[in-house]
């Protein structure tokens, strides 16, 4: 009838779960009382009073003794270790019998007072029966302590595994972001180089806009997320640069509903999609075309669409989305949202032709 329960071993507040363990012990005490009341000559009220009082008192002394011992053992440890609620089995070999005996004595006395038998004390009982009872009570106390220690070890292992997985995802996101920066810079400089040979004046104008654009874009890439309004602003700057090179061959349309402007999205999420639409859709198309970037809400999902009216998907070409930029977008989405986000590249559904990239992610 002892209540030696949980033993947090992971860095957590020492009192975490203290009340929960008390409720578990209370349930055990009630169950024991119900079982004892089935025996001949036993009354439910009496067995319930003694069982609950003794089990709760044992829990209080054993669990409280464990926490105090753990605080003493880890008094000089770092903050994480100092909050461990486990002092070790050496200390528990002392806490268990002492807590059981003290809890039994206090619980027995309280139950006697509640039932009007205050005169019945431990001294009046057979010493051999008392010793046997205490020793037998230590068995469930030891089993309960071992069970909850094992469970706490498992929870701690799961917590460490989750933390390691989170850290790995963060490192992967940083790596993907570091890959995006030179890729974006290379594409922009390649566009500038192509313009220098055919129109130096427009190349100079493009270079004048390129420096502030790159400064703002690289600054944005240092943040993990940014408001959707900032993402659209960077796309507008990039399309202005491309219009210097392509002239009337490029028409751009951006549509961002005001209610979605503050939504948080991964930084530079749309940039590879827009670059892909220009490089593979509009530039190969003699007449150029239009690129549209829009945002919409569908329930709890943010939907971003990049559509061009260019050359469209070429039969026999590599699978859609297999290029570096689009693959990088897919990997960032998978690292952040798992199966909760997606990127689909498909032929545009109307007579204007071209390609439609649809990106879905949780609305934040």
Foldseek 3Di string as FASTA:
>chain_A
DAQQAAFAAFQDALCVCLVVSLVVLQVVLLVVLVVVCPDPPHHSLLSSQLSNQLHNQLSCQLQVQQQVLLCVQCVPPPNRSNRGSGNDVVSSVVSLLVSNLVSNQRSVCVSCVVVVNNVDHPVPDDVVVVVVVSVVVSVVSVVNHVVNHVVSVVVNVVVVVVVVLLVVLVVVLVVLLVVVLVVLVVLLVVLLVVQCVPPVVLSVVLVVLVVVLSVLQVVLSVDQKFFVLVQVVSVVSVVVSVCSRVPPLEAEEEEEPPVRRRWIDGRCLCVLVQSCCCVVFQPVAPSGWYWYWYWDDDPQKIKIKIWTLGDADDPPDPPPQPDPSSVSSQSNQCSVPNVQKDWDKDWDPDPSITIMIMIMHGTD
